[in-house]
Amino acid sequence: MRVIYKQTTKNKGMCLIRPVDLMVGIPYSLEFKAEDLEPTMRALVYDEYIDLVESDKKGDFYYCITLLKKGFAFQRSEEQRLRARRSSIISKVLLALLGAAVAFAAKPILNLILNAIKK
């Protein structure tokens, strides 16, 4: 969806793109095969992110893609997801630091209590 979003926002929410160009835009770190492209495009249509028309232009196969309301909101939802992930990581780090501080503060107190019990 990121590749489609980039291409369509360059031209007021519409683009004419070959499947090969879509595949080139997908990072190699994702396990995405050429056979997965068609079902993925259909899923984006069903989920109302895009409107898709397949066309043949000068012997080449093209997708004519138009962003729908959810498609335009994609970038905002991605940013919200990243913010939520960052805040989750920060809260976990802060909680770990708080736990370490409590452990360091409690150690002398526990030593005093254990020494008092031994006597």
PDB file of N, CA and C in Angstrom:
ATOM      1  N   MET A   1       0.824  -1.188   0.000  1.00  0.00           N
ATOM      2  CA  MET A   1       0.000   0.000   0.000  1.00  0.00           C
ATOM      3  C   MET A   1       0.873   1.259   0.000  1.00  0.00           C
ATOM      4  N   ARG A   2       2.031   1.188   0.628  1.00  0.00           N
ATOM      5  CA  ARG A   2       2.912   2.361   0.642  1.00  0.00           C
ATOM      6  C   ARG A   2       3.331   2.762  -0.766  1.00  0.00           C
ATOM      7  N   VAL A   3       3.647   1.782  -1.599  1.00  0.00           N
ATOM      8  CA  VAL A   3       4.062   2.061  -2.974  1.00  0.00           C
ATOM      9  C   VAL A   3       2.915   2.700  -3.742  1.00  0.00           C
ATOM     10  N   ILE A   4       1.731   2.157  -3.582  1.00  0.00           N
ATOM     11  CA  ILE A   4       0.555   2.701  -4.262  1.00  0.00           C
ATOM     12  C   ILE A   4       0.271   4.110  -3.773  1.00  0.00           C
ATOM     13  N   TYR A   5       0.362   4.320  -2.462  1.00  0.00           N
ATOM     14  CA  TYR A   5       0.094   5.643  -1.903  1.00  0.00           C
ATOM     15  C   TYR A   5       1.056   6.677  -2.476  1.00  0.00           C
ATOM     16  N   LYS A   6       2.353   6.325  -2.536  1.00  0.00           N
ATOM     17  CA  LYS A   6       3.348   7.259  -3.087  1.00  0.00           C
ATOM     18  C   LYS A   6       3.034   7.618  -4.533  1.00  0.00           C
ATOM     19  N   GLN A   7       2.711   6.604  -5.327  1.00  0.00           N
ATOM     20  CA  GLN A   7       2.461   6.842  -6.748  1.00  0.00           C
ATOM     21  C   GLN A   7       1.194   7.658  -6.983  1.00  0.00           C
ATOM     22  N   THR A   8       0.148   7.371  -6.235  1.00  0.00           N
ATOM     23  CA  THR A   8      -1.127   8.036  -6.473  1.00  0.00           C
ATOM     24  C   THR A   8      -1.163   9.460  -5.931  1.00  0.00           C
ATOM     25  N   THR A   9      -0.460   9.733  -4.848  1.00  0.00           N
ATOM     26  CA  THR A   9      -0.500  11.093  -4.313  1.00  0.00           C
ATOM     27  C   THR A   9       0.287  12.075  -5.173  1.00  0.00           C
ATOM     28  N   LYS A  10       1.123  11.566  -6.059  1.00  0.00           N
ATOM     29  CA  LYS A  10       1.833  12.444  -6.984  1.00  0.00           C
ATOM     30  C   LYS A  10       0.879  13.049  -8.015  1.00  0.00           C
ATOM     31  N   ASN A  11      -0.259  12.374  -8.253  1.00  0.00           N
ATOM     32  CA  ASN A  11      -1.179  12.795  -9.306  1.00  0.00           C
ATOM     33  C   ASN A  11      -2.619  12.849  -8.806  1.00  0.00           C
ATOM     34  N   LYS A  12      -2.862  13.575  -7.738  1.00  0.00           N
ATOM     35  CA  LYS A  12      -4.213  13.810  -7.211  1.00  0.00           C
ATOM     36  C   LYS A  12      -4.999  12.530  -6.920  1.00  0.00           C
ATOM     37  N   GLY A  13      -4.310  11.514  -6.455  1.00  0.00           N
ATOM     38  CA  GLY A  13      -5.000  10.305  -6.023  1.00  0.00           C
ATOM     39  C   GLY A  13      -5.212   9.268  -7.109  1.00  0.00           C
ATOM     40  N   MET A  14      -4.581   9.423  -8.258  1.00  0.00           N
ATOM     41  CA  MET A  14      -4.741   8.454  -9.338  1.00  0.00           C
ATOM     42  C   MET A  14      -3.386   8.149  -9.963  1.00  0.00           C
ATOM     43  N   CYS A  15      -3.250   6.939 -10.497  1.00  0.00           N
ATOM     44  CA  CYS A  15      -2.031   6.608 -11.233  1.00  0.00           C
ATOM     45  C   CYS A  15      -2.290   5.454 -12.188  1.00  0.00           C
ATOM     46  N   LEU A  16      -1.451   5.374 -13.171  1.00  0.00           N
ATOM     47  CA  LEU A  16      -1.440   4.283 -14.138  1.00  0.00           C
ATOM     48  C   LEU A  16      -0.075   3.627 -13.976  1.00  0.00           C
ATOM     49  N   ILE A  17      -0.065   2.377 -13.512  1.00  0.00           N
ATOM     50  CA  ILE A  17       1.207   1.737 -13.161  1.00  0.00           C
ATOM     51  C   ILE A  17       1.200   0.280 -13.595  1.00  0.00           C
ATOM     52  N   ARG A  18       2.364  -0.186 -14.011  1.00  0.00           N
ATOM     53  CA  ARG A  18       2.516  -1.586 -14.386  1.00  0.00           C
ATOM     54  C   ARG A  18       2.771  -2.424 -13.134  1.00  0.00           C
ATOM     55  N   PRO A  19       2.339  -3.689 -13.137  1.00  0.00           N
ATOM     56  CA  PRO A  19       2.614  -4.562 -11.991  1.00  0.00           C
ATOM     57  C   PRO A  19       4.107  -4.689 -11.696  1.00  0.00           C
ATOM     58  N   VAL A  20       4.928  -4.656 -12.734  1.00  0.00           N
ATOM     59  CA  VAL A  20       6.381  -4.739 -12.547  1.00  0.00           C
ATOM     60  C   VAL A  20       6.874  -3.551 -11.730  1.00  0.00           C
ATOM     61  N   ASP A  21       6.345  -2.367 -12.011  1.00  0.00           N
ATOM     62  CA  ASP A  21       6.758  -1.178 -11.270  1.00  0.00           C
ATOM     63  C   ASP A  21       6.329  -1.254  -9.807  1.00  0.00           C
ATOM     64  N   LEU A  22       5.182  -1.854  -9.554  1.00  0.00           N
ATOM     65  CA  LEU A  22       4.749  -2.055  -8.164  1.00  0.00           C
ATOM     66  C   LEU A  22       5.703  -3.000  -7.451  1.00  0.00           C
ATOM     67  N   MET A  23       6.082  -4.079  -8.117  1.00  0.00           N
ATOM     68  CA  MET A  23       6.978  -5.049  -7.503  1.00  0.00           C
ATOM     69  C   MET A  23       8.351  -4.444  -7.222  1.00  0.00           C
ATOM     70  N   VAL A  24       8.818  -3.568  -8.094  1.00  0.00           N
ATOM     71  CA  VAL A  24      10.115  -2.917  -7.899  1.00  0.00           C
ATOM     72  C   VAL A  24      10.091  -2.036  -6.651  1.00  0.00           C
ATOM     73  N   GLY A  25       8.947  -1.426  -6.363  1.00  0.00           N
ATOM     74  CA  GLY A  25       8.832  -0.532  -5.212  1.00  0.00           C
ATOM     75  C   GLY A  25       8.744  -1.239  -3.876  1.00  0.00           C
ATOM     76  N   ILE A  26       8.488  -2.537  -3.880  1.00  0.00           N
ATOM     77  CA  ILE A  26       8.352  -3.290  -2.633  1.00  0.00           C
ATOM     78  C   ILE A  26       9.746  -3.655  -2.123  1.00  0.00           C
ATOM     79  N   PRO A  27      10.042  -3.366  -0.857  1.00  0.00           N
ATOM     80  CA  PRO A  27      11.378  -3.671  -0.318  1.00  0.00           C
ATOM     81  C   PRO A  27      11.682  -5.169  -0.357  1.00  0.00           C
ATOM     82  N   TYR A  28      12.962  -5.486  -0.549  1.00  0.00           N
ATOM     83  CA  TYR A  28      13.385  -6.881  -0.606  1.00  0.00           C
ATOM     84  C   TYR A  28      13.232  -7.579   0.739  1.00  0.00           C
ATOM     85  N   SER A  29      13.169  -6.818   1.816  1.00  0.00           N
ATOM     86  CA  SER A  29      13.054  -7.429   3.139  1.00  0.00           C
ATOM     87  C   SER A  29      11.697  -8.099   3.340  1.00  0.00           C
ATOM     88  N   LEU A  30      10.705  -7.715   2.543  1.00  0.00           N
ATOM     89  CA  LEU A  30       9.395  -8.354   2.620  1.00  0.00           C
ATOM     90  C   LEU A  30       9.371  -9.583   1.724  1.00  0.00           C
ATOM     91  N   GLU A  31       8.796 -10.637   2.218  1.00  0.00           N
ATOM     92  CA  GLU A  31       8.651 -11.831   1.390  1.00  0.00           C
ATOM     93  C   GLU A  31       7.367 -11.685   0.578  1.00  0.00           C
ATOM     94  N   PHE A  32       7.492 -11.083  -0.584  1.00  0.00           N
ATOM     95  CA  PHE A  32       6.345 -10.802  -1.433  1.00  0.00           C
ATOM     96  C   PHE A  32       6.667 -11.304  -2.831  1.00  0.00           C
ATOM     97  N   LYS A  33       5.860 -12.231  -3.322  1.00  0.00           N
ATOM     98  CA  LYS A  33       6.087 -12.817  -4.634  1.00  0.00           C
ATOM     99  C   LYS A  33       5.171 -12.174  -5.669  1.00  0.00           C
ATOM    100  N   ALA A  34       5.517 -12.336  -6.920  1.00  0.00           N
ATOM    101  CA  ALA A  34       4.711 -11.783  -8.017  1.00  0.00           C
ATOM    102  C   ALA A  34       3.299 -12.369  -8.005  1.00  0.00           C
ATOM    103  N   GLU A  35       3.170 -13.625  -7.575  1.00  0.00           N
ATOM    104  CA  GLU A  35       1.844 -14.254  -7.514  1.00  0.00           C
ATOM    105  C   GLU A  35       0.964 -13.630  -6.435  1.00  0.00           C
ATOM    106  N   ASP A  36       1.580 -12.966  -5.463  1.00  0.00           N
ATOM    107  CA  ASP A  36       0.826 -12.352  -4.367  1.00  0.00           C
ATOM    108  C   ASP A  36       0.249 -10.991  -4.749  1.00  0.00           C
ATOM    109  N   LEU A  37       0.695 -10.429  -5.853  1.00  0.00           N
ATOM    110  CA  LEU A  37       0.281  -9.075  -6.212  1.00  0.00           C
ATOM    111  C   LEU A  37      -1.208  -8.981  -6.530  1.00  0.00           C
ATOM    112  N   GLU A  38      -1.701  -9.869  -7.373  1.00  0.00           N
ATOM    113  CA  GLU A  38      -3.113  -9.818  -7.770  1.00  0.00           C
ATOM    114  C   GLU A  38      -4.055  -9.986  -6.571  1.00  0.00           C
ATOM    115  N   PRO A  39      -3.851 -11.007  -5.706  1.00  0.00           N
ATOM    116  CA  PRO A  39      -4.733 -11.123  -4.528  1.00  0.00           C
ATOM    117  C   PRO A  39      -4.631  -9.918  -3.585  1.00  0.00           C
ATOM    118  N   THR A  40      -3.445  -9.351  -3.480  1.00  0.00           N
ATOM    119  CA  THR A  40      -3.268  -8.179  -2.624  1.00  0.00           C
ATOM    120  C   THR A  40      -4.031  -6.985  -3.184  1.00  0.00           C
ATOM    121  N   MET A  41      -3.962  -6.803  -4.482  1.00  0.00           N
ATOM    122  CA  MET A  41      -4.702  -5.699  -5.114  1.00  0.00           C
ATOM    123  C   MET A  41      -6.207  -5.894  -4.918  1.00  0.00           C
ATOM    124  N   ARG A  42      -6.679  -7.117  -5.078  1.00  0.00           N
ATOM    125  CA  ARG A  42      -8.111  -7.413  -4.866  1.00  0.00           C
ATOM    126  C   ARG A  42      -8.507  -7.139  -3.407  1.00  0.00           C
ATOM    127  N   ALA A  43      -7.630  -7.481  -2.481  1.00  0.00           N
ATOM    128  CA  ALA A  43      -7.927  -7.240  -1.061  1.00  0.00           C
ATOM    129  C   ALA A  43      -8.028  -5.737  -0.782  1.00  0.00           C
ATOM    130  N   LEU A  44      -7.161  -4.947  -1.412  1.00  0.00           N
ATOM    131  CA  LEU A  44      -7.233  -3.493  -1.231  1.00  0.00           C
ATOM    132  C   LEU A  44      -8.523  -2.928  -1.810  1.00  0.00           C
ATOM    133  N   VAL A  45      -8.998  -3.522  -2.893  1.00  0.00           N
ATOM    134  CA  VAL A  45     -10.279  -3.099  -3.470  1.00  0.00           C
ATOM    135  C   VAL A  45     -11.416  -3.473  -2.523  1.00  0.00           C
ATOM    136  N   TYR A  46     -11.410  -4.711  -2.020  1.00  0.00           N
ATOM    137  CA  TYR A  46     -12.473  -5.165  -1.105  1.00  0.00           C
ATOM    138  C   TYR A  46     -12.490  -4.359   0.190  1.00  0.00           C
ATOM    139  N   ASP A  47     -11.310  -3.976   0.660  1.00  0.00           N
ATOM    140  CA  ASP A  47     -11.217  -3.192   1.892  1.00  0.00           C
ATOM    141  C   ASP A  47     -11.464  -1.703   1.662  1.00  0.00           C
ATOM    142  N   GLU A  48     -11.757  -1.339   0.430  1.00  0.00           N
ATOM    143  CA  GLU A  48     -12.112   0.030   0.031  1.00  0.00           C
ATOM    144  C   GLU A  48     -10.975   1.035   0.221  1.00  0.00           C
ATOM    145  N   TYR A  49      -9.745   0.594  -0.056  1.00  0.00           N
ATOM    146  CA  TYR A  49      -8.619   1.509  -0.074  1.00  0.00           C
ATOM    147  C   TYR A  49      -8.445   2.120  -1.464  1.00  0.00           C
ATOM    148  N   ILE A  50      -8.682   1.298  -2.481  1.00  0.00           N
ATOM    149  CA  ILE A  50      -8.479   1.754  -3.850  1.00  0.00           C
ATOM    150  C   ILE A  50      -9.618   1.292  -4.753  1.00  0.00           C
ATOM    151  N   ASP A  51      -9.711   1.961  -5.896  1.00  0.00           N
ATOM    152  CA  ASP A  51     -10.559   1.500  -6.991  1.00  0.00           C
ATOM    153  C   ASP A  51      -9.588   1.073  -8.076  1.00  0.00           C
ATOM    154  N   LEU A  52      -9.789  -0.096  -8.643  1.00  0.00           N
ATOM    155  CA  LEU A  52      -8.815  -0.682  -9.556  1.00  0.00           C
ATOM    156  C   LEU A  52      -9.467  -1.019 -10.887  1.00  0.00           C
ATOM    157  N   VAL A  53      -8.820  -0.576 -11.956  1.00  0.00           N
ATOM    158  CA  VAL A  53      -9.231  -0.937 -13.306  1.00  0.00           C
ATOM    159  C   VAL A  53      -7.988  -1.479 -14.005  1.00  0.00           C
ATOM    160  N   GLU A  54      -8.118  -2.651 -14.590  1.00  0.00           N
ATOM    161  CA  GLU A  54      -7.008  -3.235 -15.322  1.00  0.00           C
ATOM    162  C   GLU A  54      -7.133  -2.830 -16.780  1.00  0.00           C
ATOM    163  N   SER A  55      -6.021  -2.427 -17.380  1.00  0.00           N
ATOM    164  CA  SER A  55      -6.076  -2.001 -18.778  1.00  0.00           C
ATOM    165  C   SER A  55      -4.867  -2.511 -19.545  1.00  0.00           C
ATOM    166  N   ASP A  56      -5.005  -2.484 -20.854  1.00  0.00           N
ATOM    167  CA  ASP A  56      -3.932  -2.902 -21.752  1.00  0.00           C
ATOM    168  C   ASP A  56      -3.591  -1.704 -22.617  1.00  0.00           C
ATOM    169  N   LYS A  57      -2.361  -1.230 -22.476  1.00  0.00           N
ATOM    170  CA  LYS A  57      -1.941  -0.045 -23.208  1.00  0.00           C
ATOM    171  C   LYS A  57      -0.709  -0.396 -24.026  1.00  0.00           C
ATOM    172  N   LYS A  58      -0.859  -0.394 -25.315  1.00  0.00           N
ATOM    173  CA  LYS A  58       0.240  -0.698 -26.243  1.00  0.00           C
ATOM    174  C   LYS A  58       0.883  -2.048 -25.930  1.00  0.00           C
ATOM    175  N   GLY A  59       0.066  -3.022 -25.622  1.00  0.00           N
ATOM    176  CA  GLY A  59       0.565  -4.364 -25.361  1.00  0.00           C
ATOM    177  C   GLY A  59       1.056  -4.604 -23.954  1.00  0.00           C
ATOM    178  N   ASP A  60       1.123  -3.582 -23.120  1.00  0.00           N
ATOM    179  CA  ASP A  60       1.537  -3.733 -21.725  1.00  0.00           C
ATOM    180  C   ASP A  60       0.317  -3.713 -20.816  1.00  0.00           C
ATOM    181  N   PHE A  61       0.383  -4.516 -19.759  1.00  0.00           N
ATOM    182  CA  PHE A  61      -0.694  -4.588 -18.773  1.00  0.00           C
ATOM    183  C   PHE A  61      -0.478  -3.503 -17.724  1.00  0.00           C
ATOM    184  N   TYR A  62      -1.516  -2.741 -17.426  1.00  0.00           N
ATOM    185  CA  TYR A  62      -1.436  -1.648 -16.458  1.00  0.00           C
ATOM    186  C   TYR A  62      -2.582  -1.749 -15.456  1.00  0.00           C
ATOM    187  N   TYR A  63      -2.317  -1.234 -14.273  1.00  0.00           N
ATOM    188  CA  TYR A  63      -3.360  -1.005 -13.276  1.00  0.00           C
ATOM    189  C   TYR A  63      -3.664   0.484 -13.268  1.00  0.00           C
ATOM    190  N   CYS A  64      -4.920   0.820 -13.370  1.00  0.00           N
ATOM    191  CA  CYS A  64      -5.352   2.200 -13.184  1.00  0.00           C
ATOM    192  C   CYS A  64      -5.917   2.263 -11.768  1.00  0.00           C
ATOM    193  N   ILE A  65      -5.213   2.939 -10.893  1.00  0.00           N
ATOM    194  CA  ILE A  65      -5.547   2.940  -9.469  1.00  0.00           C
ATOM    195  C   ILE A  65      -6.028   4.322  -9.051  1.00  0.00           C
ATOM    196  N   THR A  66      -7.140   4.347  -8.336  1.00  0.00           N
ATOM    197  CA  THR A  66      -7.671   5.578  -7.762  1.00  0.00           C
ATOM    198  C   THR A  66      -7.814   5.362  -6.265  1.00  0.00           C
ATOM    199  N   LEU A  67      -7.243   6.258  -5.490  1.00  0.00           N
ATOM    200  CA  LEU A  67      -7.365   6.158  -4.030  1.00  0.00           C
ATOM    201  C   LEU A  67      -8.786   6.513  -3.599  1.00  0.00           C
ATOM    202  N   LEU A  68      -9.301   5.739  -2.677  1.00  0.00           N
ATOM    203  CA  LEU A  68     -10.597   6.041  -2.070  1.00  0.00           C
ATOM    204  C   LEU A  68     -10.347   6.690  -0.706  1.00  0.00           C
ATOM    205  N   LYS A  69     -11.405   6.924   0.033  1.00  0.00           N
ATOM    206  CA  LYS A  69     -11.297   7.629   1.316  1.00  0.00           C
ATOM    207  C   LYS A  69     -10.313   6.946   2.275  1.00  0.00           C
ATOM    208  N   LYS A  70     -10.418   5.633   2.413  1.00  0.00           N
ATOM    209  CA  LYS A  70      -9.499   4.900   3.290  1.00  0.00           C
ATOM    210  C   LYS A  70      -8.070   4.969   2.771  1.00  0.00           C
ATOM    211  N   GLY A  71      -7.916   4.994   1.467  1.00  0.00           N
ATOM    212  CA  GLY A  71      -6.589   5.078   0.867  1.00  0.00           C
ATOM    213  C   GLY A  71      -5.905   6.386   1.197  1.00  0.00           C
ATOM    214  N   PHE A  72      -6.664   7.490   1.149  1.00  0.00           N
ATOM    215  CA  PHE A  72      -6.090   8.787   1.506  1.00  0.00           C
ATOM    216  C   PHE A  72      -5.738   8.843   2.990  1.00  0.00           C
ATOM    217  N   ALA A  73      -6.470   8.101   3.824  1.00  0.00           N
ATOM    218  CA  ALA A  73      -6.221   8.088   5.268  1.00  0.00           C
ATOM    219  C   ALA A  73      -5.097   7.128   5.646  1.00  0.00           C
ATOM    220  N   PHE A  74      -4.554   6.394   4.691  1.00  0.00           N
ATOM    221  CA  PHE A  74      -3.516   5.400   4.966  1.00  0.00           C
ATOM    222  C   PHE A  74      -2.307   6.013   5.663  1.00  0.00           C
ATOM    223  N   GLN A  75      -1.820   7.127   5.175  1.00  0.00           N
ATOM    224  CA  GLN A  75      -0.629   7.752   5.746  1.00  0.00           C
ATOM    225  C   GLN A  75      -0.863   8.145   7.202  1.00  0.00           C
ATOM    226  N   ARG A  76      -2.020   8.687   7.479  1.00  0.00           N
ATOM    227  CA  ARG A  76      -2.340   9.088   8.848  1.00  0.00           C
ATOM    228  C   ARG A  76      -2.389   7.866   9.775  1.00  0.00           C
ATOM    229  N   SER A  77      -2.993   6.780   9.313  1.00  0.00           N
ATOM    230  CA  SER A  77      -3.075   5.583  10.150  1.00  0.00           C
ATOM    231  C   SER A  77      -1.691   4.969  10.363  1.00  0.00           C
ATOM    232  N   GLU A  78      -0.811   5.051   9.354  1.00  0.00           N
ATOM    233  CA  GLU A  78       0.565   4.572   9.520  1.00  0.00           C
ATOM    234  C   GLU A  78       1.303   5.394  10.571  1.00  0.00           C
ATOM    235  N   GLU A  79       1.124   6.711  10.533  1.00  0.00           N
ATOM    236  CA  GLU A  79       1.776   7.575  11.519  1.00  0.00           C
ATOM    237  C   GLU A  79       1.258   7.287  12.918  1.00  0.00           C
ATOM    238  N   GLN A  80      -0.040   7.044  13.058  1.00  0.00           N
ATOM    239  CA  GLN A  80      -0.604   6.719  14.365  1.00  0.00           C
ATOM    240  C   GLN A  80      -0.057   5.391  14.875  1.00  0.00           C
ATOM    241  N   ARG A  81       0.100   4.425  13.989  1.00  0.00           N
ATOM    242  CA  ARG A  81       0.648   3.117  14.367  1.00  0.00           C
ATOM    243  C   ARG A  81       2.089   3.260  14.848  1.00  0.00           C
ATOM    244  N   LEU A  82       2.874   4.075  14.151  1.00  0.00           N
ATOM    245  CA  LEU A  82       4.266   4.294  14.556  1.00  0.00           C
ATOM    246  C   LEU A  82       4.355   5.025  15.892  1.00  0.00           C
ATOM    247  N   ARG A  83       3.476   6.027  16.090  1.00  0.00           N
ATOM    248  CA  ARG A  83       3.459   6.738  17.371  1.00  0.00           C
ATOM    249  C   ARG A  83       3.108   5.799  18.515  1.00  0.00           C
ATOM    250  N   ALA A  84       2.133   4.922  18.291  1.00  0.00           N
ATOM    251  CA  ALA A  84       1.734   3.973  19.330  1.00  0.00           C
ATOM    252  C   ALA A  84       2.881   3.016  19.649  1.00  0.00           C
ATOM    253  N   ARG A  85       3.605   2.584  18.623  1.00  0.00           N
ATOM    254  CA  ARG A  85       4.739   1.681  18.837  1.00  0.00           C
ATOM    255  C   ARG A  85       5.840   2.380  19.632  1.00  0.00           C
ATOM    256  N   ARG A  86       6.133   3.633  19.258  1.00  0.00           N
ATOM    257  CA  ARG A  86       7.164   4.391  19.983  1.00  0.00           C
ATOM    258  C   ARG A  86       6.782   4.584  21.445  1.00  0.00           C
ATOM    259  N   SER A  87       5.544   4.974  21.690  1.00  0.00           N
ATOM    260  CA  SER A  87       5.129   5.206  23.074  1.00  0.00           C
ATOM    261  C   SER A  87       5.153   3.911  23.877  1.00  0.00           C
ATOM    262  N   SER A  88       4.841   2.801  23.249  1.00  0.00           N
ATOM    263  CA  SER A  88       4.900   1.513  23.929  1.00  0.00           C
ATOM    264  C   SER A  88       6.341   1.177  24.314  1.00  0.00           C
ATOM    265  N   ILE A  89       7.264   1.388  23.407  1.00  0.00           N
ATOM    266  CA  ILE A  89       8.680   1.115  23.695  1.00  0.00           C
ATOM    267  C   ILE A  89       9.186   2.029  24.797  1.00  0.00           C
ATOM    268  N   ILE A  90       8.853   3.312  24.712  1.00  0.00           N
ATOM    269  CA  ILE A  90       9.299   4.267  25.730  1.00  0.00           C
ATOM    270  C   ILE A  90       8.746   3.908  27.096  1.00  0.00           C
ATOM    271  N   SER A  91       7.465   3.540  27.158  1.00  0.00           N
ATOM    272  CA  SER A  91       6.875   3.195  28.456  1.00  0.00           C
ATOM    273  C   SER A  91       7.523   1.939  29.027  1.00  0.00           C
ATOM    274  N   LYS A  92       7.866   0.972  28.181  1.00  0.00           N
ATOM    275  CA  LYS A  92       8.520  -0.243  28.673  1.00  0.00           C
ATOM    276  C   LYS A  92       9.923   0.059  29.196  1.00  0.00           C
ATOM    277  N   VAL A  93      10.651   0.916  28.509  1.00  0.00           N
ATOM    278  CA  VAL A  93      11.996   1.296  28.970  1.00  0.00           C
ATOM    279  C   VAL A  93      11.898   2.043  30.300  1.00  0.00           C
ATOM    280  N   LEU A  94      10.963   2.974  30.396  1.00  0.00           N
ATOM    281  CA  LEU A  94      10.794   3.727  31.643  1.00  0.00           C
ATOM    282  C   LEU A  94      10.392   2.808  32.798  1.00  0.00           C
ATOM    283  N   LEU A  95       9.539   1.843  32.516  1.00  0.00           N
ATOM    284  CA  LEU A  95       9.121   0.892  33.544  1.00  0.00           C
ATOM    285  C   LEU A  95      10.309   0.037  34.000  1.00  0.00           C
ATOM    286  N   ALA A  96      11.159  -0.360  33.070  1.00  0.00           N
ATOM    287  CA  ALA A  96      12.359  -1.137  33.429  1.00  0.00           C
ATOM    288  C   ALA A  96      13.303  -0.299  34.274  1.00  0.00           C
ATOM    289  N   LEU A  97      13.480   0.970  33.917  1.00  0.00           N
ATOM    290  CA  LEU A  97      14.344   1.858  34.702  1.00  0.00           C
ATOM    291  C   LEU A  97      13.778   2.076  36.104  1.00  0.00           C
ATOM    292  N   LEU A  98      12.474   2.219  36.198  1.00  0.00           N
ATOM    293  CA  LEU A  98      11.831   2.370  37.502  1.00  0.00           C
ATOM    294  C   LEU A  98      12.028   1.117  38.342  1.00  0.00           C
ATOM    295  N   GLY A  99      11.892  -0.042  37.729  1.00  0.00           N
ATOM    296  CA  GLY A  99      12.108  -1.309  38.439  1.00  0.00           C
ATOM    297  C   GLY A  99      13.532  -1.421  38.950  1.00  0.00           C
ATOM    298  N   ALA A 100      14.505  -1.009  38.126  1.00  0.00           N
ATOM    299  CA  ALA A 100      15.908  -1.055  38.547  1.00  0.00           C
ATOM    300  C   ALA A 100      16.153  -0.095  39.699  1.00  0.00           C
ATOM    301  N   ALA A 101      15.567   1.102  39.638  1.00  0.00           N
ATOM    302  CA  ALA A 101      15.737   2.083  40.714  1.00  0.00           C
ATOM    303  C   ALA A 101      15.142   1.568  42.014  1.00  0.00           C
ATOM    304  N   VAL A 102      13.987   0.945  41.944  1.00  0.00           N
ATOM    305  CA  VAL A 102      13.352   0.385  43.144  1.00  0.00           C
ATOM    306  C   VAL A 102      14.220  -0.737  43.713  1.00  0.00           C
ATOM    307  N   ALA A 103      14.769  -1.569  42.828  1.00  0.00           N
ATOM    308  CA  ALA A 103      15.616  -2.673  43.298  1.00  0.00           C
ATOM    309  C   ALA A 103      16.864  -2.137  43.995  1.00  0.00           C
ATOM    310  N   PHE A 104      17.512  -1.114  43.433  1.00  0.00           N
ATOM    311  CA  PHE A 104      18.690  -0.531  44.073  1.00  0.00           C
ATOM    312  C   PHE A 104      18.338   0.133  45.399  1.00  0.00           C
ATOM    313  N   ALA A 105      17.179   0.784  45.461  1.00  0.00           N
ATOM    314  CA  ALA A 105      16.764   1.442  46.706  1.00  0.00           C
ATOM    315  C   ALA A 105      16.353   0.428  47.761  1.00  0.00           C
ATOM    316  N   ALA A 106      15.788  -0.681  47.353  1.00  0.00           N
ATOM    317  CA  ALA A 106      15.300  -1.675  48.306  1.00  0.00           C
ATOM    318  C   ALA A 106      16.418  -2.555  48.853  1.00  0.00           C
ATOM    319  N   LYS A 107      17.523  -2.664  48.152  1.00  0.00           N
ATOM    320  CA  LYS A 107      18.614  -3.551  48.581  1.00  0.00           C
ATOM    321  C   LYS A 107      19.158  -3.179  49.962  1.00  0.00           C
ATOM    322  N   PRO A 108      19.499  -1.911  50.235  1.00  0.00           N
ATOM    323  CA  PRO A 108      19.996  -1.592  51.590  1.00  0.00           C
ATOM    324  C   PRO A 108      18.946  -1.828  52.676  1.00  0.00           C
ATOM    325  N   ILE A 109      17.720  -1.552  52.373  1.00  0.00           N
ATOM    326  CA  ILE A 109      16.651  -1.757  53.351  1.00  0.00           C
ATOM    327  C   ILE A 109      16.496  -3.233  53.658  1.00  0.00           C
ATOM    328  N   LEU A 110      16.530  -4.066  52.629  1.00  0.00           N
ATOM    329  CA  LEU A 110      16.417  -5.512  52.836  1.00  0.00           C
ATOM    330  C   LEU A 110      17.629  -6.058  53.600  1.00  0.00           C
ATOM    331  N   ASN A 111      18.814  -5.516  53.325  1.00  0.00           N
ATOM    332  CA  ASN A 111      20.007  -5.941  54.070  1.00  0.00           C
ATOM    333  C   ASN A 111      19.869  -5.609  55.553  1.00  0.00           C
ATOM    334  N   LEU A 112      19.338  -4.425  55.880  1.00  0.00           N
ATOM    335  CA  LEU A 112      19.135  -4.057  57.284  1.00  0.00           C
ATOM    336  C   LEU A 112      18.145  -4.992  57.954  1.00  0.00           C
ATOM    337  N   ILE A 113      17.087  -5.298  57.251  1.00  0.00           N
ATOM    338  CA  ILE A 113      16.057  -6.187  57.830  1.00  0.00           C
ATOM    339  C   ILE A 113      16.617  -7.580  58.033  1.00  0.00           C
ATOM    340  N   LEU A 114      17.357  -8.106  57.050  1.00  0.00           N
ATOM    341  CA  LEU A 114      17.924  -9.443  57.184  1.00  0.00           C
ATOM    342  C   LEU A 114      18.978  -9.508  58.283  1.00  0.00           C
ATOM    343  N   ASN A 115      19.784  -8.448  58.422  1.00  0.00           N
ATOM    344  CA  ASN A 115      20.784  -8.401  59.499  1.00  0.00           C
ATOM    345  C   ASN A 115      20.101  -8.338  60.861  1.00  0.00           C
ATOM    346  N   ALA A 116      18.989  -7.616  60.948  1.00  0.00           N
ATOM    347  CA  ALA A 116      18.251  -7.540  62.224  1.00  0.00           C
ATOM    348  C   ALA A 116      17.634  -8.880  62.583  1.00  0.00           C
ATOM    349  N   ILE A 117      17.194  -9.620  61.582  1.00  0.00           N
ATOM    350  CA  ILE A 117      16.593 -10.929  61.849  1.00  0.00           C
ATOM    351  C   ILE A 117      17.662 -11.928  62.300  1.00  0.00           C
ATOM    352  N   LYS A 118      18.858 -11.865  61.708  1.00  0.00           N
ATOM    353  CA  LYS A 118      19.946 -12.795  62.069  1.00  0.00           C
ATOM    354  C   LYS A 118      20.394 -12.588  63.513  1.00  0.00           C
ATOM    355  N   LYS A 119      20.332 -11.383  64.040  1.00  0.00           N
ATOM    356  CA  LYS A 119      20.796 -11.098  65.396  1.00  0.00           C
ATOM    357  C   LYS A 119      19.764 -11.542  66.351  1.00  0.00           C
TER     358      LYS A 119
END
